[in-house]
Amino acid sequence: MIMEASKDSYPKEFGAFLRAENEIIYEIALLPGTVQGDHYAIFQLYSKPIDFSLVGSVHSHPSGNRNPSDQDLRMFSNTGRIHIIVGYPYTPSSYSAYNRKGEPINIKLL
């Protein structure tokens, strides 16, 4: 679903939050008012619900570069513990995961 949403948004960035239970991410949560641009997805964090099942974020990088930017790192530190960046061409292996500090982490796809 994330890859398809990223393809649909291309060439703009796609962004959403990740919902998990028992360490399994099972859903993405779209935040109303998210602004998509060619080099950014801006979340209106004031409208983010208080929801402890939201564990992090996912967004796309249309350039294909899956390294977090300085802006990504600032957002990571405030929005959860797991962050996924997907990159063009949005294939099943076109993703990287990071912790809130921007350090790479391994996640297993089910």
N, C-alpha and C. Protein backbone atom coordinates (compact mmCIF):
# COMPACT_ATOMS: atom_id res chain seq x y z
N MET A 1 0.82 -1.19 0.00
CA MET A 1 0.00 0.00 0.00
C MET A 1 0.87 1.26 0.00
N ILE A 2 1.94 1.24 0.78
CA ILE A 2 2.84 2.40 0.86
C ILE A 2 3.48 2.67 -0.50
N MET A 3 3.94 1.61 -1.16
CA MET A 3 4.57 1.79 -2.46
C MET A 3 3.57 2.31 -3.49
N GLU A 4 2.34 1.80 -3.46
CA GLU A 4 1.32 2.26 -4.40
C GLU A 4 0.95 3.72 -4.13
N ALA A 5 0.82 4.10 -2.87
CA ALA A 5 0.51 5.49 -2.53
C ALA A 5 1.66 6.40 -2.97
N SER A 6 2.90 5.93 -2.83
CA SER A 6 4.06 6.72 -3.26
C SER A 6 4.07 6.88 -4.78
N LYS A 7 3.74 5.81 -5.50
CA LYS A 7 3.67 5.89 -6.96
C LYS A 7 2.57 6.87 -7.38
N ASP A 8 1.42 6.82 -6.70
CA ASP A 8 0.32 7.72 -7.03
C ASP A 8 0.68 9.18 -6.78
N SER A 9 1.51 9.43 -5.77
CA SER A 9 1.90 10.80 -5.42
C SER A 9 3.05 11.32 -6.29
N TYR A 10 3.81 10.43 -6.90
CA TYR A 10 4.98 10.79 -7.69
C TYR A 10 4.59 11.83 -8.75
N PRO A 11 5.35 12.92 -8.93
CA PRO A 11 6.69 13.20 -8.43
C PRO A 11 6.72 13.91 -7.07
N LYS A 12 5.59 14.03 -6.42
CA LYS A 12 5.56 14.63 -5.09
C LYS A 12 5.81 13.55 -4.03
N GLU A 13 6.19 13.99 -2.85
CA GLU A 13 6.41 13.05 -1.74
C GLU A 13 5.07 12.63 -1.14
N PHE A 14 5.03 11.40 -0.69
CA PHE A 14 3.91 10.86 0.06
C PHE A 14 4.33 10.77 1.52
N GLY A 15 3.41 11.01 2.44
CA GLY A 15 3.74 10.89 3.86
C GLY A 15 2.55 10.41 4.67
N ALA A 16 2.84 9.60 5.69
CA ALA A 16 1.80 9.08 6.58
C ALA A 16 2.46 8.65 7.89
N PHE A 17 1.63 8.25 8.84
CA PHE A 17 2.14 7.72 10.10
C PHE A 17 1.91 6.21 10.13
N LEU A 18 2.66 5.54 10.98
CA LEU A 18 2.61 4.08 11.09
C LEU A 18 1.89 3.68 12.37
N ARG A 19 0.96 2.77 12.25
CA ARG A 19 0.23 2.26 13.40
C ARG A 19 0.66 0.82 13.64
N ALA A 20 0.96 0.48 14.91
CA ALA A 20 1.45 -0.86 15.24
C ALA A 20 0.77 -1.39 16.48
N GLU A 21 0.77 -2.72 16.57
CA GLU A 21 0.31 -3.42 17.76
C GLU A 21 1.19 -4.65 17.91
N ASN A 22 1.67 -4.87 19.12
CA ASN A 22 2.56 -6.01 19.40
C ASN A 22 3.76 -6.05 18.45
N GLU A 23 4.35 -4.88 18.22
CA GLU A 23 5.55 -4.74 17.40
C GLU A 23 5.32 -5.04 15.92
N ILE A 24 4.07 -5.07 15.47
CA ILE A 24 3.76 -5.30 14.06
C ILE A 24 3.04 -4.07 13.52
N ILE A 25 3.65 -3.45 12.50
CA ILE A 25 3.01 -2.32 11.84
C ILE A 25 1.93 -2.90 10.94
N TYR A 26 0.70 -2.48 11.17
CA TYR A 26 -0.40 -3.06 10.42
C TYR A 26 -1.21 -2.06 9.62
N GLU A 27 -0.90 -0.76 9.77
CA GLU A 27 -1.72 0.24 9.10
C GLU A 27 -0.95 1.54 8.95
N ILE A 28 -1.30 2.29 7.92
CA ILE A 28 -0.80 3.66 7.82
C ILE A 28 -1.95 4.59 8.16
N ALA A 29 -1.62 5.71 8.77
CA ALA A 29 -2.61 6.70 9.15
C ALA A 29 -2.29 8.00 8.43
N LEU A 30 -3.23 8.44 7.60
CA LEU A 30 -3.05 9.69 6.88
C LEU A 30 -3.44 10.84 7.80
N LEU A 31 -2.63 11.87 7.83
CA LEU A 31 -2.88 13.01 8.70
C LEU A 31 -3.52 14.12 7.87
N PRO A 32 -4.72 14.56 8.23
CA PRO A 32 -5.36 15.63 7.47
C PRO A 32 -4.47 16.87 7.39
N GLY A 33 -4.48 17.50 6.22
CA GLY A 33 -3.72 18.73 6.03
C GLY A 33 -2.28 18.51 5.62
N THR A 34 -1.86 17.26 5.42
CA THR A 34 -0.48 17.02 4.98
C THR A 34 -0.28 17.66 3.60
N VAL A 35 0.82 18.39 3.46
CA VAL A 35 1.13 19.08 2.22
C VAL A 35 2.22 18.30 1.50
N GLN A 36 1.95 17.95 0.24
CA GLN A 36 2.91 17.19 -0.55
C GLN A 36 3.58 18.12 -1.55
N GLY A 37 4.90 18.03 -1.63
CA GLY A 37 5.65 18.81 -2.60
C GLY A 37 6.69 17.96 -3.29
N ASP A 38 7.42 18.57 -4.20
CA ASP A 38 8.43 17.84 -4.96
C ASP A 38 9.58 17.36 -4.08
N HIS A 39 9.86 18.07 -2.99
CA HIS A 39 10.98 17.70 -2.13
C HIS A 39 10.58 17.65 -0.66
N TYR A 40 9.29 17.52 -0.38
CA TYR A 40 8.86 17.52 1.01
C TYR A 40 7.44 16.95 1.15
N ALA A 41 7.16 16.47 2.32
CA ALA A 41 5.80 16.18 2.78
C ALA A 41 5.73 16.83 4.16
N ILE A 42 4.90 17.82 4.29
CA ILE A 42 4.81 18.56 5.55
C ILE A 42 3.58 18.09 6.31
N PHE A 43 3.81 17.56 7.51
CA PHE A 43 2.72 17.13 8.38
C PHE A 43 2.28 18.29 9.25
N GLN A 44 0.98 18.46 9.39
CA GLN A 44 0.43 19.45 10.30
C GLN A 44 0.33 18.76 11.66
N LEU A 45 1.43 18.74 12.41
CA LEU A 45 1.50 17.93 13.63
C LEU A 45 0.50 18.37 14.69
N TYR A 46 0.02 19.60 14.63
CA TYR A 46 -0.98 20.03 15.60
C TYR A 46 -2.29 19.24 15.43
N SER A 47 -2.49 18.62 14.25
CA SER A 47 -3.71 17.84 14.05
C SER A 47 -3.49 16.34 14.25
N LYS A 48 -2.27 15.96 14.67
CA LYS A 48 -1.98 14.55 14.95
C LYS A 48 -2.72 14.14 16.21
N PRO A 49 -3.52 13.08 16.12
CA PRO A 49 -4.26 12.67 17.32
C PRO A 49 -3.35 12.09 18.39
N ILE A 50 -3.80 12.15 19.63
CA ILE A 50 -3.09 11.47 20.70
C ILE A 50 -3.48 10.00 20.57
N ASP A 51 -2.57 9.23 20.02
CA ASP A 51 -2.86 7.83 19.69
C ASP A 51 -1.56 7.06 19.91
N PHE A 52 -1.51 6.30 20.98
CA PHE A 52 -0.27 5.61 21.34
C PHE A 52 0.05 4.43 20.43
N SER A 53 -0.86 4.10 19.50
CA SER A 53 -0.54 3.05 18.53
C SER A 53 0.26 3.59 17.36
N LEU A 54 0.37 4.93 17.25
CA LEU A 54 1.20 5.53 16.19
C LEU A 54 2.65 5.47 16.64
N VAL A 55 3.47 4.72 15.90
CA VAL A 55 4.84 4.46 16.33
C VAL A 55 5.90 5.17 15.51
N GLY A 56 5.50 5.86 14.45
CA GLY A 56 6.48 6.53 13.62
C GLY A 56 5.87 7.00 12.32
N SER A 57 6.72 7.17 11.32
CA SER A 57 6.27 7.75 10.06
C SER A 57 6.81 6.98 8.87
N VAL A 58 6.19 7.25 7.75
CA VAL A 58 6.69 6.76 6.47
C VAL A 58 6.54 7.90 5.48
N HIS A 59 7.53 8.05 4.63
CA HIS A 59 7.39 9.01 3.54
C HIS A 59 8.28 8.58 2.38
N SER A 60 7.98 9.15 1.22
CA SER A 60 8.72 8.78 0.02
C SER A 60 9.75 9.85 -0.34
N HIS A 61 10.77 9.40 -1.04
CA HIS A 61 11.76 10.28 -1.65
C HIS A 61 11.73 10.00 -3.15
N PRO A 62 11.06 10.86 -3.92
CA PRO A 62 10.97 10.63 -5.36
C PRO A 62 12.32 10.56 -6.07
N SER A 63 13.36 11.11 -5.46
CA SER A 63 14.70 11.07 -6.05
C SER A 63 15.29 9.67 -6.03
N GLY A 64 14.76 8.81 -5.16
CA GLY A 64 15.33 7.47 -4.99
C GLY A 64 16.33 7.40 -3.84
N ASN A 65 16.85 8.54 -3.39
CA ASN A 65 17.78 8.58 -2.26
C ASN A 65 17.00 8.34 -0.99
N ARG A 66 17.32 7.25 -0.30
CA ARG A 66 16.56 6.90 0.90
C ARG A 66 17.25 7.32 2.19
N ASN A 67 18.25 8.18 2.12
CA ASN A 67 18.91 8.70 3.32
C ASN A 67 18.07 9.84 3.89
N PRO A 68 17.95 9.93 5.21
CA PRO A 68 17.17 11.01 5.81
C PRO A 68 17.86 12.36 5.67
N SER A 69 17.06 13.37 5.37
CA SER A 69 17.57 14.74 5.30
C SER A 69 17.61 15.32 6.71
N ASP A 70 18.16 16.52 6.85
CA ASP A 70 18.15 17.19 8.15
C ASP A 70 16.72 17.42 8.63
N GLN A 71 15.81 17.77 7.70
CA GLN A 71 14.41 17.97 8.06
C GLN A 71 13.79 16.66 8.52
N ASP A 72 14.14 15.55 7.85
CA ASP A 72 13.64 14.24 8.25
C ASP A 72 14.09 13.93 9.67
N LEU A 73 15.35 14.18 9.98
CA LEU A 73 15.88 13.87 11.31
C LEU A 73 15.16 14.67 12.40
N ARG A 74 14.84 15.93 12.12
CA ARG A 74 14.08 16.73 13.09
C ARG A 74 12.70 16.12 13.31
N MET A 75 12.06 15.70 12.23
CA MET A 75 10.73 15.10 12.36
C MET A 75 10.82 13.77 13.09
N PHE A 76 11.81 12.94 12.75
CA PHE A 76 11.97 11.63 13.40
C PHE A 76 12.02 11.79 14.92
N SER A 77 12.76 12.79 15.38
CA SER A 77 12.97 12.94 16.82
C SER A 77 11.68 13.29 17.57
N ASN A 78 10.66 13.74 16.83
CA ASN A 78 9.41 14.18 17.47
C ASN A 78 8.20 13.32 17.16
N THR A 79 8.35 12.29 16.33
CA THR A 79 7.14 11.60 15.85
C THR A 79 7.19 10.09 15.98
N GLY A 80 7.99 9.55 16.86
CA GLY A 80 7.96 8.11 17.06
C GLY A 80 9.33 7.46 16.98
N ARG A 81 9.32 6.14 17.07
CA ARG A 81 10.59 5.42 17.14
C ARG A 81 10.97 4.67 15.88
N ILE A 82 10.05 4.54 14.91
CA ILE A 82 10.32 3.83 13.67
C ILE A 82 9.95 4.73 12.50
N HIS A 83 10.87 4.87 11.56
CA HIS A 83 10.62 5.74 10.40
C HIS A 83 11.10 5.02 9.15
N ILE A 84 10.26 5.03 8.15
CA ILE A 84 10.57 4.36 6.89
C ILE A 84 10.60 5.39 5.78
N ILE A 85 11.65 5.32 4.97
CA ILE A 85 11.73 6.13 3.76
C ILE A 85 11.72 5.17 2.58
N VAL A 86 10.77 5.39 1.67
CA VAL A 86 10.71 4.60 0.45
C VAL A 86 11.20 5.47 -0.70
N GLY A 87 11.90 4.85 -1.64
CA GLY A 87 12.46 5.61 -2.74
C GLY A 87 12.03 5.08 -4.10
N TYR A 88 12.00 6.00 -5.05
CA TYR A 88 11.72 5.63 -6.42
C TYR A 88 12.69 4.54 -6.83
N PRO A 89 12.28 3.48 -7.49
CA PRO A 89 11.06 3.23 -8.26
C PRO A 89 9.95 2.56 -7.46
N TYR A 90 10.02 2.57 -6.14
CA TYR A 90 8.97 2.06 -5.26
C TYR A 90 8.69 0.57 -5.48
N THR A 91 9.74 -0.20 -5.45
CA THR A 91 9.63 -1.66 -5.52
C THR A 91 9.63 -2.19 -4.09
N PRO A 92 9.32 -3.48 -3.89
CA PRO A 92 9.29 -4.02 -2.51
C PRO A 92 10.61 -3.87 -1.75
N SER A 93 11.72 -3.72 -2.44
CA SER A 93 13.01 -3.58 -1.75
C SER A 93 13.49 -2.12 -1.69
N SER A 94 12.66 -1.18 -2.13
CA SER A 94 13.06 0.23 -2.19
C SER A 94 12.71 0.98 -0.91
N TYR A 95 13.15 0.46 0.23
CA TYR A 95 12.86 1.14 1.49
C TYR A 95 14.05 1.02 2.43
N SER A 96 14.13 1.96 3.36
CA SER A 96 15.10 1.94 4.44
C SER A 96 14.37 2.35 5.71
N ALA A 97 14.77 1.79 6.84
CA ALA A 97 14.13 2.10 8.12
C ALA A 97 15.16 2.70 9.07
N TYR A 98 14.67 3.60 9.92
CA TYR A 98 15.53 4.34 10.84
C TYR A 98 14.86 4.46 12.20
N ASN A 99 15.69 4.65 13.23
CA ASN A 99 15.14 4.96 14.55
C ASN A 99 14.97 6.47 14.66
N ARG A 100 14.55 6.95 15.82
CA ARG A 100 14.30 8.38 15.98
C ARG A 100 15.56 9.24 15.87
N LYS A 101 16.75 8.63 15.99
CA LYS A 101 18.01 9.37 15.84
C LYS A 101 18.50 9.36 14.40
N GLY A 102 17.78 8.65 13.51
CA GLY A 102 18.21 8.57 12.11
C GLY A 102 19.21 7.46 11.86
N GLU A 103 19.37 6.58 12.83
CA GLU A 103 20.28 5.44 12.66
C GLU A 103 19.53 4.31 11.95
N PRO A 104 20.18 3.66 10.97
CA PRO A 104 19.50 2.57 10.26
C PRO A 104 19.12 1.43 11.21
N ILE A 105 17.93 0.87 11.00
CA ILE A 105 17.47 -0.27 11.75
C ILE A 105 16.94 -1.31 10.76
N ASN A 106 16.87 -2.54 11.18
CA ASN A 106 16.31 -3.60 10.36
C ASN A 106 14.88 -3.83 10.76
N ILE A 107 14.02 -3.93 9.77
CA ILE A 107 12.65 -4.34 10.00
C ILE A 107 12.35 -5.48 9.05
N LYS A 108 11.51 -6.35 9.49
CA LYS A 108 11.16 -7.53 8.70
C LYS A 108 9.78 -7.30 8.08
N LEU A 109 9.69 -7.51 6.77
CA LEU A 109 8.40 -7.41 6.10
C LEU A 109 7.70 -8.76 6.17
N LEU A 110 6.43 -8.72 6.53
CA LEU A 110 5.64 -9.96 6.61
C LEU A 110 4.78 -10.11 5.38
